[in-house]
Amino acid sequence: MTTETRTDVSRINDYDVVVVGSGGGGLVGALRAAERGRKVLVLEKAASCGGTTALSGAGLWAPANLHEQTAGQQDDLATALTYLSHTVGDRTPVSMQEAFLAAAAETIAWLETKNVRFSYMTGYPDYHPSEPGGLLTGRAITPKALRRSFTDTLQHEVQPVLPMGHGGPPITDPGPEGPHWGGQSLIAQLLAALALEGAEVWTSTPFTDLLVEGDRVLGVTARRNGIEVEIAAPAGVLLGCGGFDHNPAMRKQWQDPLLESGAWSLGVPGNTGDGIAAGIRLGAATDLLEDCWWAPGFVRPDGSPSFLLWERAAPTGIIVDQNGRRWVNEGTPYNTFGHLMLAARDEGIPCIPSWYVFDQHALDTYGFAGLRPGDDASNWVSSGALVQADSLAELASVIGASALVETAQRWNALAEKGVDEDFGRGDEGSYERQLLWVFQRYPGIAPAHRWPNPSLAPLSQGPFYAGRVVLSDLGTKGGLVCDEHGRVTRPDGSTIPGLYACGNTMASMMGHAYPGPGACITPAMAFAWLAADAMVSA
């Protein structure tokens, strides 16, 4: 940390608030502070804005929000708190859970007044709908799609979206002229609103440290056009610059050795823990550093990881360990899937990586990881991303999964019966069955299914395929411990004056849980909103 003003760097005293990071949380905090009369500067390390938020589908989980209520969904904060008590539990303070619930829906309503528009995701379930307070038809909302021409009016570029197939159903890629949706839309709308409030955004400007005087944070240091600058922030600094997804040293220190490189992470490359490290140097408390927002992944031909979301809800195939045995309900919510994968590995099951096994009928009907229904998979096979064989016995031999044929025979019998007696996939009222219903409403997805259970289909039509399933993440989950106003705290519970955090720079109030779509982005936005109010009121 920088403890005194240096004479060999430029000093900038033009701003009240500095926000580090331009993801959903950082931009909401900046917008709120600017609306309330503070002069705000946003620093972004990358050349474009949005961070990992821009890569996401940007589903948001804000119980009792106005769009949910307008759609007729019955919900209230007490019911949502009951749900959190059975998912998050006591891993994080109830006061933090209550602060999130009180702020989330209000943040969404406030953003609507700033022309940031959302719509209800009809039927998109909570991730644990059978728990008390859970809703099978869901609470999720999503940013409204934007015309591409909208971004032509922006002063800054939005972080380019991942190729289709890195998460979500195999809908047709809209191409360069198609609409912005999900995280692209959210970031674009926030940038437009921020410009109207007069806040500034500096891209290609990495944050390097905090400026402190005594025990108070008074600004930051950053590198601007190759020159180190000191930027005063007398009202406060909000750190919203992501986790340490791509910092091997930090992952080695706190996480499973298997994940040290971060090669399987879906977070943007700039997430190297800069804000977390700065807070630690200042004596901040940390929590949940061993955890991530887990997601099963598939390594594509170009070596990049793909988020397996839709594929596991559709009746496309089965996931088996290296011996060819099923070990999990394939449709398990993605964060839970990651925890189960680690637990199974610790019990001696060779499941990292696992194999996703499917047949030609599945590929032709549903696609896989960016391959559209009916696409030619030969390039994926030649690259080694997929293994192809004419029979299940041959496939088992090639991948060394001796039990695969027996497992497939068992699976086929269960599909014919319509009941997964082994792991409960596709049970009536289950998360994955509801999710399948939602995805089947997307263009290009065939809902026709002649088997008794829409979530179960036999492996019967060759050739057969296998792809490796690795443990990916959407970002690290641990960070700086904060209070109900987003103020960074020390181990004794005292706050560090002038320092605030949100998003994956902040230790998640969701603990080890992931209650619903947007359980990562929505708290980032809500606590950034609370932090901005705290700065203004300080």
Protein backbone atom coordinates (compact mmCIF):
# COMPACT_ATOMS: atom_id res chain seq x y z
CA MET A 1 0.00 0.00 0.00
CA THR A 2 1.12 3.55 -0.62
CA THR A 3 1.48 5.43 2.65
CA GLU A 4 2.63 8.84 1.47
CA THR A 5 2.32 11.11 -1.53
CA ARG A 6 5.24 10.71 -3.92
CA THR A 7 6.79 13.57 -5.89
CA ASP A 8 7.64 11.51 -8.99
CA VAL A 9 4.08 10.68 -10.00
CA SER A 10 1.13 12.71 -11.22
CA ARG A 11 -1.46 13.58 -8.59
CA ILE A 12 -5.12 13.89 -9.63
CA ASN A 13 -7.60 15.54 -7.28
CA ASP A 14 -10.62 15.81 -9.57
CA TYR A 15 -12.84 13.04 -8.15
CA ASP A 16 -14.75 12.16 -5.00
CA VAL A 17 -15.14 8.42 -5.63
CA VAL A 18 -12.94 5.94 -7.48
CA VAL A 19 -14.43 2.61 -8.57
CA VAL A 20 -11.99 -0.11 -9.58
CA GLY A 21 -13.55 -2.46 -12.13
CA SER A 22 -16.34 -2.04 -14.67
CA GLY A 23 -18.39 -5.18 -14.10
CA GLY A 24 -22.03 -5.10 -13.08
CA GLY A 25 -21.21 -4.23 -9.47
CA GLY A 26 -18.67 -1.52 -10.18
CA LEU A 27 -20.87 0.26 -12.71
CA VAL A 28 -23.93 0.18 -10.44
CA GLY A 29 -21.89 1.63 -7.58
CA ALA A 30 -20.48 4.31 -9.84
CA LEU A 31 -23.92 5.18 -11.20
CA ARG A 32 -25.43 5.44 -7.73
CA ALA A 33 -22.63 7.66 -6.41
CA ALA A 34 -22.79 9.89 -9.47
CA GLU A 35 -26.55 10.25 -9.22
CA ARG A 36 -26.11 11.37 -5.63
CA GLY A 37 -23.84 14.21 -6.64
CA ARG A 38 -20.36 12.74 -6.34
CA LYS A 39 -17.77 13.06 -9.08
CA VAL A 40 -16.90 9.50 -10.03
CA LEU A 41 -14.07 7.82 -11.91
CA VAL A 42 -14.16 4.16 -12.96
CA LEU A 43 -10.84 2.44 -13.62
CA GLU A 44 -10.79 -0.64 -15.88
CA LYS A 45 -7.68 -2.71 -16.50
CA ALA A 46 -8.86 -4.08 -19.84
CA ALA A 47 -9.40 -2.17 -23.06
CA SER A 48 -13.13 -2.84 -22.90
CA CYS A 49 -15.70 -2.72 -20.10
CA GLY A 50 -17.78 -5.32 -18.34
CA GLY A 51 -15.41 -7.97 -17.02
CA THR A 52 -16.91 -11.40 -16.50
CA THR A 53 -20.38 -9.86 -16.18
CA ALA A 54 -20.25 -9.06 -19.89
CA LEU A 55 -19.57 -12.72 -20.71
CA SER A 56 -22.50 -14.01 -18.70
CA GLY A 57 -26.17 -14.53 -19.39
CA ALA A 58 -26.74 -11.95 -16.61
CA GLY A 59 -29.67 -13.69 -15.03
CA LEU A 60 -30.39 -11.75 -11.84
CA TRP A 61 -31.80 -13.17 -8.60
CA ALA A 62 -33.60 -10.36 -6.79
CA PRO A 63 -36.53 -11.81 -4.78
CA ALA A 64 -39.82 -9.88 -4.87
CA ASN A 65 -38.58 -7.66 -7.70
CA LEU A 66 -41.11 -5.58 -9.62
CA HIS A 67 -40.94 -7.73 -12.78
CA GLU A 68 -41.57 -10.91 -10.84
CA GLN A 69 -44.55 -9.32 -9.13
CA THR A 70 -45.91 -7.90 -12.39
CA ALA A 71 -45.77 -11.40 -13.86
CA GLY A 72 -47.96 -12.63 -11.01
CA GLN A 73 -45.33 -14.61 -9.14
CA GLN A 74 -46.13 -14.76 -5.44
CA ASP A 75 -43.03 -13.86 -3.44
CA ASP A 76 -41.84 -11.77 -0.51
CA LEU A 77 -38.60 -11.15 1.34
CA ALA A 78 -39.56 -13.33 4.31
CA THR A 79 -40.05 -16.31 2.00
CA ALA A 80 -36.75 -15.59 0.28
CA LEU A 81 -34.96 -15.34 3.64
CA THR A 82 -36.37 -18.75 4.57
CA TYR A 83 -34.92 -20.08 1.33
CA LEU A 84 -31.52 -18.56 2.07
CA SER A 85 -31.57 -20.06 5.55
CA HIS A 86 -31.89 -23.52 3.96
CA THR A 87 -29.32 -22.96 1.21
CA VAL A 88 -26.73 -20.48 2.47
CA GLY A 89 -27.49 -21.38 6.09
CA ASP A 90 -25.31 -19.90 8.80
CA ARG A 91 -22.14 -19.88 6.67
CA THR A 92 -22.55 -16.11 6.39
CA PRO A 93 -24.20 -13.69 8.84
CA VAL A 94 -27.97 -13.44 8.57
CA SER A 95 -27.53 -9.67 8.65
CA MET A 96 -25.68 -9.88 5.33
CA GLN A 97 -28.41 -12.02 3.81
CA GLU A 98 -31.05 -9.58 5.03
CA ALA A 99 -29.07 -6.60 3.69
CA PHE A 100 -28.88 -8.23 0.28
CA LEU A 101 -32.59 -9.03 0.15
CA ALA A 102 -33.54 -5.53 1.26
CA ALA A 103 -31.36 -3.93 -1.41
CA ALA A 104 -31.61 -6.25 -4.42
CA ALA A 105 -35.18 -5.59 -5.57
CA GLU A 106 -34.82 -1.90 -4.71
CA THR A 107 -31.66 -1.70 -6.83
CA ILE A 108 -33.51 -3.20 -9.80
CA ALA A 109 -36.40 -0.75 -9.40
CA TRP A 110 -33.96 2.16 -9.18
CA LEU A 111 -32.07 1.00 -12.28
CA GLU A 112 -35.35 1.03 -14.22
CA THR A 113 -35.58 4.76 -13.45
CA LYS A 114 -32.17 5.07 -15.13
CA ASN A 115 -33.46 3.37 -18.28
CA VAL A 116 -31.71 0.07 -17.48
CA ARG A 117 -34.42 -2.38 -18.49
CA PHE A 118 -35.14 -5.96 -17.40
CA SER A 119 -37.76 -8.62 -17.98
CA TYR A 120 -38.96 -11.66 -16.03
CA MET A 121 -37.48 -15.03 -17.00
CA THR A 122 -40.74 -16.96 -17.04
CA GLY A 123 -40.39 -20.30 -15.37
CA TYR A 124 -36.62 -20.20 -14.75
CA PRO A 125 -36.37 -22.11 -11.46
CA ASP A 126 -34.47 -21.42 -8.28
CA TYR A 127 -31.57 -23.85 -8.14
CA HIS A 128 -32.91 -25.71 -5.11
CA PRO A 129 -36.68 -25.36 -5.53
CA SER A 130 -37.49 -28.21 -3.16
CA GLU A 131 -36.00 -26.33 -0.22
CA PRO A 132 -38.43 -24.30 1.95
CA GLY A 133 -38.97 -20.92 0.33
CA GLY A 134 -37.68 -22.10 -3.06
CA LEU A 135 -39.71 -21.41 -6.21
CA LEU A 136 -39.88 -23.92 -9.03
CA THR A 137 -41.09 -21.19 -11.38
CA GLY A 138 -38.34 -18.89 -10.19
CA ARG A 139 -37.53 -15.30 -9.33
CA ALA A 140 -35.02 -14.57 -12.11
CA ILE A 141 -34.98 -11.56 -14.40
CA THR A 142 -32.67 -10.72 -17.30
CA PRO A 143 -31.63 -7.51 -19.07
CA LYS A 144 -33.73 -6.74 -22.12
CA ALA A 145 -32.03 -7.35 -25.46
CA LEU A 146 -30.58 -4.31 -27.23
CA ARG A 147 -30.13 -3.44 -30.86
CA ARG A 148 -26.47 -3.54 -31.85
CA SER A 149 -26.78 0.06 -32.97
CA PHE A 150 -27.21 1.03 -29.31
CA THR A 151 -23.54 0.32 -28.61
CA ASP A 152 -22.50 2.66 -31.41
CA THR A 153 -23.54 5.53 -29.15
CA LEU A 154 -21.34 4.42 -26.24
CA GLN A 155 -18.04 6.05 -25.36
CA HIS A 156 -16.45 2.71 -24.47
CA GLU A 157 -16.49 -0.79 -25.90
CA VAL A 158 -18.10 -3.71 -24.08
CA GLN A 159 -15.98 -6.78 -23.36
CA PRO A 160 -16.55 -9.13 -26.35
CA VAL A 161 -18.91 -11.99 -25.61
CA LEU A 162 -17.69 -15.58 -25.56
CA PRO A 163 -18.56 -17.63 -28.66
CA MET A 164 -21.97 -19.24 -28.54
CA GLY A 165 -21.78 -22.58 -26.84
CA HIS A 166 -19.73 -21.38 -23.89
CA GLY A 167 -22.94 -21.51 -21.87
CA GLY A 168 -26.63 -21.69 -22.66
CA PRO A 169 -28.83 -23.51 -25.14
CA PRO A 170 -27.78 -24.02 -28.77
CA ILE A 171 -29.73 -21.11 -30.19
CA THR A 172 -28.60 -19.55 -33.45
CA ASP A 173 -25.65 -17.17 -33.06
CA PRO A 174 -27.07 -13.67 -33.78
CA GLY A 175 -23.86 -12.66 -35.55
CA PRO A 176 -22.36 -9.16 -35.68
CA GLU A 177 -25.66 -7.49 -36.53
CA GLY A 178 -27.80 -9.42 -34.05
CA PRO A 179 -29.01 -8.13 -30.67
CA HIS A 180 -26.99 -7.71 -27.53
CA TRP A 181 -28.41 -9.86 -24.75
CA GLY A 182 -27.48 -10.92 -21.21
CA GLY A 183 -24.32 -9.41 -19.81
CA GLN A 184 -23.59 -7.51 -23.01
CA SER A 185 -26.92 -5.72 -22.67
CA LEU A 186 -26.51 -5.05 -18.95
CA ILE A 187 -23.06 -3.49 -19.30
CA ALA A 188 -24.08 -1.44 -22.33
CA GLN A 189 -27.15 -0.06 -20.56
CA LEU A 190 -25.13 0.78 -17.44
CA LEU A 191 -22.44 2.55 -19.48
CA ALA A 192 -25.10 4.64 -21.21
CA ALA A 193 -26.70 5.57 -17.88
CA LEU A 194 -23.31 6.38 -16.38
CA ALA A 195 -22.45 8.72 -19.24
CA LEU A 196 -25.68 10.64 -18.68
CA GLU A 197 -24.67 11.16 -15.04
CA GLY A 198 -21.31 12.58 -16.08
CA ALA A 199 -19.11 9.88 -14.57
CA GLU A 200 -15.81 9.08 -16.30
CA VAL A 201 -14.44 5.67 -17.28
CA TRP A 202 -10.76 5.07 -17.97
CA THR A 203 -10.03 1.81 -19.77
CA SER A 204 -6.56 0.25 -20.15
CA THR A 205 -5.78 1.70 -16.72
CA PRO A 206 -4.76 -0.99 -14.20
CA PHE A 207 -5.18 -0.29 -10.51
CA THR A 208 -1.91 -0.84 -8.64
CA ASP A 209 -2.51 0.01 -4.98
CA LEU A 210 -4.42 1.98 -2.36
CA LEU A 211 -3.47 5.41 -1.09
CA VAL A 212 -3.77 5.63 2.68
CA GLU A 213 -3.19 8.17 5.38
CA GLY A 214 -3.15 6.77 8.88
CA ASP A 215 -5.81 4.07 8.79
CA ARG A 216 -7.97 5.70 6.11
CA VAL A 217 -8.05 4.97 2.37
CA LEU A 218 -7.94 8.25 0.47
CA GLY A 219 -7.46 7.10 -3.11
CA VAL A 220 -5.62 4.74 -5.43
CA THR A 221 -2.55 4.47 -7.58
CA ALA A 222 -2.92 3.33 -11.17
CA ARG A 223 -1.00 3.14 -14.42
CA ARG A 224 -2.39 5.47 -17.07
CA ASN A 225 -0.78 5.58 -20.53
CA GLY A 226 2.30 3.98 -19.05
CA ILE A 227 2.61 6.57 -16.30
CA GLU A 228 1.91 5.97 -12.62
CA VAL A 229 -0.74 8.30 -11.24
CA GLU A 230 -2.19 8.94 -7.80
CA ILE A 231 -5.94 9.55 -7.82
CA ALA A 232 -7.54 11.00 -4.71
CA ALA A 233 -10.92 9.63 -3.65
CA PRO A 234 -11.90 11.48 -0.47
CA ALA A 235 -15.40 9.94 -0.37
CA GLY A 236 -14.19 6.39 -0.85
CA VAL A 237 -12.79 3.65 -3.06
CA LEU A 238 -15.00 0.79 -4.27
CA LEU A 239 -13.08 -2.34 -5.29
CA GLY A 240 -15.11 -4.31 -7.82
CA CYS A 241 -12.28 -5.77 -9.89
CA GLY A 242 -13.12 -9.45 -9.70
CA GLY A 243 -11.50 -12.39 -8.02
CA PHE A 244 -8.18 -14.15 -8.54
CA ASP A 245 -9.32 -16.59 -11.23
CA HIS A 246 -6.13 -16.14 -13.26
CA ASN A 247 -3.55 -15.65 -10.52
CA PRO A 248 -1.74 -19.00 -10.15
CA ALA A 249 0.14 -17.91 -7.03
CA MET A 250 -3.07 -16.98 -5.19
CA ARG A 251 -4.86 -20.12 -6.38
CA LYS A 252 -1.89 -22.21 -5.23
CA GLN A 253 -1.99 -20.57 -1.82
CA TRP A 254 -5.68 -21.04 -1.13
CA GLN A 255 -7.24 -23.54 -3.53
CA ASP A 256 -7.12 -27.14 -4.68
CA PRO A 257 -3.79 -27.88 -6.44
CA LEU A 258 -5.71 -29.23 -9.42
CA LEU A 259 -7.02 -25.71 -10.12
CA GLU A 260 -3.77 -23.82 -9.65
CA SER A 261 -3.30 -22.65 -13.22
CA GLY A 262 -6.81 -21.27 -13.66
CA ALA A 263 -6.79 -22.69 -17.20
CA TRP A 264 -10.34 -24.02 -16.79
CA SER A 265 -11.74 -20.75 -15.45
CA LEU A 266 -14.37 -18.86 -17.46
CA GLY A 267 -13.52 -15.54 -15.79
CA VAL A 268 -11.83 -12.82 -17.87
CA PRO A 269 -8.01 -12.92 -17.94
CA GLY A 270 -7.76 -9.64 -16.03
CA ASN A 271 -9.15 -11.23 -12.87
CA THR A 272 -5.83 -11.56 -11.04
CA GLY A 273 -6.86 -10.63 -7.51
CA ASP A 274 -5.50 -7.07 -7.53
CA GLY A 275 -8.17 -5.65 -5.23
CA ILE A 276 -8.09 -8.61 -2.85
CA ALA A 277 -4.31 -8.43 -2.56
CA ALA A 278 -4.45 -4.68 -1.86
CA GLY A 279 -7.02 -5.20 0.88
CA ILE A 280 -4.95 -7.95 2.46
CA ARG A 281 -1.91 -5.67 2.52
CA LEU A 282 -4.05 -3.18 4.41
CA GLY A 283 -5.07 -5.77 7.03
CA ALA A 284 -8.54 -6.69 5.72
CA ALA A 285 -10.23 -9.89 6.81
CA THR A 286 -10.84 -12.54 4.13
CA ASP A 287 -13.17 -15.51 3.77
CA LEU A 288 -14.14 -18.26 1.31
CA LEU A 289 -10.81 -18.05 -0.54
CA GLU A 290 -10.89 -21.80 -1.11
CA ASP A 291 -14.17 -21.67 -3.00
CA CYS A 292 -15.36 -20.75 -6.50
CA TRP A 293 -18.56 -20.29 -8.43
CA TRP A 294 -18.20 -23.80 -9.84
CA ALA A 295 -19.33 -24.99 -13.24
CA PRO A 296 -18.77 -28.22 -15.16
CA GLY A 297 -16.75 -27.40 -18.24
CA PHE A 298 -15.73 -28.88 -21.57
CA VAL A 299 -12.44 -28.00 -23.28
CA ARG A 300 -13.19 -26.94 -26.85
CA PRO A 301 -10.92 -27.54 -29.86
CA ASP A 302 -9.23 -24.15 -29.38
CA GLY A 303 -8.32 -25.09 -25.79
CA SER A 304 -10.78 -22.69 -24.17
CA PRO A 305 -13.27 -23.97 -21.60
CA SER A 306 -16.99 -24.10 -22.33
CA PHE A 307 -19.70 -23.91 -19.67
CA LEU A 308 -21.88 -27.06 -19.81
CA LEU A 309 -25.29 -25.72 -18.83
CA TRP A 310 -27.97 -26.61 -21.36
CA GLU A 311 -26.41 -29.96 -22.27
CA ARG A 312 -26.89 -31.36 -18.78
CA ALA A 313 -30.58 -30.48 -18.64
CA ALA A 314 -31.35 -31.85 -22.09
CA PRO A 315 -31.72 -35.62 -22.60
CA THR A 316 -28.47 -35.68 -24.53
CA GLY A 317 -26.32 -38.17 -22.67
CA ILE A 318 -24.70 -39.25 -19.44
CA ILE A 319 -21.67 -38.24 -17.41
CA VAL A 320 -19.40 -41.08 -16.31
CA ASP A 321 -16.12 -41.28 -14.41
CA GLN A 322 -12.91 -42.52 -15.98
CA ASN A 323 -14.04 -46.10 -15.41
CA GLY A 324 -17.31 -45.50 -17.24
CA ARG A 325 -19.66 -45.36 -14.23
CA ARG A 326 -22.26 -42.65 -13.58
CA TRP A 327 -21.55 -40.82 -10.35
CA VAL A 328 -23.95 -37.84 -10.38
CA ASN A 329 -27.30 -36.53 -11.57
CA GLU A 330 -26.13 -34.84 -14.77
CA GLY A 331 -28.70 -32.05 -14.39
CA THR A 332 -27.50 -30.97 -10.95
CA PRO A 333 -27.19 -27.15 -10.65
CA TYR A 334 -23.73 -26.17 -11.80
CA ASN A 335 -22.28 -24.84 -8.54
CA THR A 336 -23.51 -27.90 -6.66
CA PHE A 337 -22.09 -30.07 -9.44
CA GLY A 338 -18.65 -28.63 -8.73
CA HIS A 339 -18.87 -29.32 -5.01
CA LEU A 340 -20.06 -32.87 -5.72
CA MET A 341 -17.21 -33.36 -8.20
CA LEU A 342 -14.61 -32.38 -5.60
CA ALA A 343 -16.28 -34.51 -2.93
CA ALA A 344 -16.45 -37.54 -5.23
CA ARG A 345 -12.78 -37.08 -6.16
CA ASP A 346 -11.90 -36.97 -2.45
CA GLU A 347 -13.77 -40.25 -1.98
CA GLY A 348 -11.61 -41.90 -4.60
CA ILE A 349 -13.92 -41.66 -7.62
CA PRO A 350 -11.83 -40.80 -10.70
CA CYS A 351 -14.15 -38.04 -11.91
CA ILE A 352 -11.82 -35.14 -12.74
CA PRO A 353 -11.99 -35.24 -15.64
CA SER A 354 -15.16 -37.19 -16.33
CA TRP A 355 -16.63 -38.12 -19.71
CA TYR A 356 -19.82 -36.78 -21.27
CA VAL A 357 -21.12 -39.61 -23.46
CA PHE A 358 -23.82 -39.02 -26.11
CA ASP A 359 -24.94 -40.39 -29.46
CA GLN A 360 -25.57 -39.10 -32.98
CA HIS A 361 -29.27 -38.62 -32.29
CA ALA A 362 -28.39 -36.25 -29.43
CA LEU A 363 -25.97 -34.28 -31.61
CA ASP A 364 -28.46 -34.01 -34.46
CA THR A 365 -31.32 -33.00 -32.19
CA TYR A 366 -29.76 -30.84 -29.47
CA GLY A 367 -26.17 -30.02 -30.41
CA PHE A 368 -23.34 -29.89 -27.90
CA ALA A 369 -21.10 -27.15 -26.45
CA GLY A 370 -21.42 -24.83 -29.44
CA LEU A 371 -22.03 -27.47 -32.09
CA ARG A 372 -25.47 -26.74 -33.48
CA PRO A 373 -28.00 -29.51 -34.11
CA GLY A 374 -26.86 -31.39 -37.19
CA ASP A 375 -23.38 -29.80 -37.29
CA ASP A 376 -20.44 -31.82 -38.55
CA ALA A 377 -18.29 -32.78 -35.56
CA SER A 378 -15.31 -34.05 -37.57
CA ASN A 379 -13.06 -31.08 -36.74
CA TRP A 380 -13.80 -31.53 -33.05
CA VAL A 381 -12.95 -35.21 -33.35
CA SER A 382 -9.73 -34.60 -35.29
CA SER A 383 -8.63 -32.03 -32.71
CA GLY A 384 -9.15 -34.53 -29.88
CA ALA A 385 -11.84 -32.45 -28.17
CA LEU A 386 -14.32 -35.26 -28.87
CA VAL A 387 -13.69 -38.98 -29.13
CA GLN A 388 -15.85 -40.77 -31.72
CA ALA A 389 -16.53 -44.49 -32.16
CA ASP A 390 -18.99 -46.62 -34.11
CA SER A 391 -20.10 -48.57 -31.03
CA LEU A 392 -20.22 -48.06 -27.28
CA ALA A 393 -17.84 -50.99 -26.85
CA GLU A 394 -15.32 -49.34 -29.16
CA LEU A 395 -15.77 -45.99 -27.40
CA ALA A 396 -15.20 -47.66 -24.03
CA SER A 397 -12.01 -49.19 -25.33
CA VAL A 398 -10.68 -45.94 -26.77
CA ILE A 399 -11.27 -43.88 -23.61
CA GLY A 400 -10.37 -46.70 -21.23
CA ALA A 401 -13.76 -46.76 -19.51
CA SER A 402 -14.27 -50.49 -18.93
CA ALA A 403 -17.72 -50.17 -17.31
CA LEU A 404 -19.23 -47.89 -19.98
CA VAL A 405 -21.18 -50.56 -21.89
CA GLU A 406 -22.78 -51.89 -18.70
CA THR A 407 -23.57 -48.34 -17.56
CA ALA A 408 -25.13 -47.46 -20.91
CA GLN A 409 -27.29 -50.59 -20.86
CA ARG A 410 -28.51 -49.64 -17.39
CA TRP A 411 -29.18 -46.06 -18.54
CA ASN A 412 -31.11 -47.19 -21.59
CA ALA A 413 -33.36 -49.37 -19.45
CA LEU A 414 -34.03 -46.43 -17.10
CA ALA A 415 -34.81 -44.17 -20.08
CA GLU A 416 -37.29 -46.72 -21.41
CA LYS A 417 -38.90 -46.83 -17.99
CA GLY A 418 -38.84 -43.05 -17.56
CA VAL A 419 -37.37 -43.08 -14.06
CA ASP A 420 -33.74 -42.53 -13.08
CA GLU A 421 -33.67 -44.89 -10.12
CA ASP A 422 -29.97 -44.26 -9.53
CA PHE A 423 -29.70 -40.46 -9.29
CA GLY A 424 -33.21 -39.01 -9.74
CA ARG A 425 -32.55 -37.09 -12.94
CA GLY A 426 -35.73 -35.64 -14.40
CA ASP A 427 -37.95 -36.44 -11.43
CA GLU A 428 -41.31 -34.70 -11.52
CA GLY A 429 -40.93 -31.15 -10.20
CA SER A 430 -37.14 -31.29 -10.34
CA TYR A 431 -34.85 -28.37 -11.15
CA GLU A 432 -33.47 -29.95 -14.30
CA ARG A 433 -36.90 -30.90 -15.64
CA GLN A 434 -38.18 -27.33 -15.16
CA LEU A 435 -35.02 -25.96 -16.76
CA LEU A 436 -35.50 -28.24 -19.75
CA TRP A 437 -39.02 -26.84 -20.17
CA VAL A 438 -37.59 -23.32 -20.18
CA PHE A 439 -34.86 -24.12 -22.70
CA GLN A 440 -37.27 -25.86 -25.03
CA ARG A 441 -38.94 -22.51 -25.65
CA TYR A 442 -35.77 -21.16 -27.29
CA PRO A 443 -35.70 -21.05 -31.11
CA GLY A 444 -33.95 -23.99 -32.69
CA ILE A 445 -34.54 -26.48 -29.89
CA ALA A 446 -36.81 -29.41 -30.69
CA PRO A 447 -39.16 -30.18 -27.77
CA ALA A 448 -40.48 -33.37 -29.36
CA HIS A 449 -39.52 -36.38 -27.28
CA ARG A 450 -41.05 -39.81 -27.54
CA TRP A 451 -39.62 -41.28 -24.35
CA PRO A 452 -41.61 -41.39 -21.06
CA ASN A 453 -39.44 -38.78 -19.32
CA PRO A 454 -38.36 -35.64 -21.23
CA SER A 455 -35.05 -35.61 -19.34
CA LEU A 456 -34.07 -39.18 -20.21
CA ALA A 457 -33.18 -40.54 -23.65
CA PRO A 458 -31.34 -43.77 -24.46
CA LEU A 459 -27.92 -44.00 -26.06
CA SER A 460 -28.72 -46.02 -29.15
CA GLN A 461 -27.79 -44.35 -32.44
CA GLY A 462 -24.15 -44.48 -33.50
CA PRO A 463 -21.67 -43.10 -33.91
CA PHE A 464 -21.09 -42.34 -30.24
CA TYR A 465 -19.10 -39.50 -28.72
CA ALA A 466 -17.28 -38.71 -25.52
CA GLY A 467 -15.98 -35.32 -24.34
CA ARG A 468 -13.98 -34.62 -21.21
CA VAL A 469 -15.83 -32.84 -18.38
CA VAL A 470 -13.49 -30.69 -16.27
CA LEU A 471 -14.08 -28.55 -13.20
CA SER A 472 -14.46 -25.01 -14.49
CA ASP A 473 -15.50 -21.92 -12.56
CA LEU A 474 -17.24 -18.65 -13.29
CA GLY A 475 -14.79 -16.93 -10.95
CA THR A 476 -13.41 -17.28 -7.45
CA LYS A 477 -15.86 -16.72 -4.62
CA GLY A 478 -13.65 -15.63 -1.73
CA GLY A 479 -12.42 -12.14 -1.01
CA LEU A 480 -12.50 -9.25 1.44
CA VAL A 481 -15.00 -9.50 4.28
CA CYS A 482 -17.50 -6.64 4.22
CA ASP A 483 -20.33 -5.44 6.42
CA GLU A 484 -23.93 -4.73 5.47
CA HIS A 485 -22.92 -1.47 3.75
CA GLY A 486 -20.13 -2.95 1.64
CA ARG A 487 -17.44 -1.53 3.95
CA VAL A 488 -14.31 -3.67 4.12
CA THR A 489 -13.63 -4.96 7.62
CA ARG A 490 -10.65 -6.16 9.64
CA PRO A 491 -10.50 -9.48 11.51
CA ASP A 492 -11.73 -7.73 14.68
CA GLY A 493 -14.85 -6.51 12.85
CA SER A 494 -13.80 -2.86 12.62
CA THR A 495 -14.13 -1.18 9.23
CA ILE A 496 -11.31 0.26 7.15
CA PRO A 497 -12.41 3.87 6.58
CA GLY A 498 -12.84 4.78 2.94
CA LEU A 499 -12.61 1.22 1.56
CA TYR A 500 -15.55 -0.69 0.07
CA ALA A 501 -15.84 -3.84 -2.04
CA CYS A 502 -18.36 -5.74 -4.12
CA GLY A 503 -18.60 -8.68 -6.50
CA ASN A 504 -15.88 -11.30 -6.43
CA THR A 505 -13.50 -8.90 -4.69
CA MET A 506 -15.86 -9.25 -1.72
CA ALA A 507 -16.30 -12.52 0.18
CA SER A 508 -19.69 -13.69 -1.03
CA MET A 509 -22.65 -13.41 1.31
CA MET A 510 -23.92 -16.56 -0.43
CA GLY A 511 -21.34 -18.69 1.41
CA HIS A 512 -20.80 -21.97 -0.41
CA ALA A 513 -24.28 -21.84 -1.95
CA TYR A 514 -25.71 -20.70 -5.29
CA PRO A 515 -29.46 -20.25 -4.69
CA GLY A 516 -30.48 -19.13 -8.16
CA PRO A 517 -29.41 -17.61 -11.48
CA GLY A 518 -27.61 -14.37 -10.75
CA ALA A 519 -26.56 -15.27 -7.21
CA CYS A 520 -23.15 -13.88 -8.13
CA ILE A 521 -23.96 -10.74 -10.13
CA THR A 522 -26.98 -9.55 -8.16
CA PRO A 523 -25.21 -9.26 -4.78
CA ALA A 524 -22.40 -7.43 -6.57
CA MET A 525 -24.91 -4.85 -7.77
CA ALA A 526 -26.82 -4.67 -4.48
CA PHE A 527 -23.78 -4.20 -2.25
CA ALA A 528 -22.25 -1.69 -4.69
CA TRP A 529 -25.50 0.26 -4.43
CA LEU A 530 -25.33 0.09 -0.63
CA ALA A 531 -21.64 1.06 -0.66
CA ALA A 532 -22.33 4.14 -2.77
CA ASP A 533 -25.03 5.24 -0.34
CA ALA A 534 -22.65 4.69 2.57
CA MET A 535 -19.98 6.82 0.89
CA VAL A 536 -22.42 9.64 0.33
CA SER A 537 -23.68 9.45 3.92
CA ALA A 538 -20.24 9.20 5.56
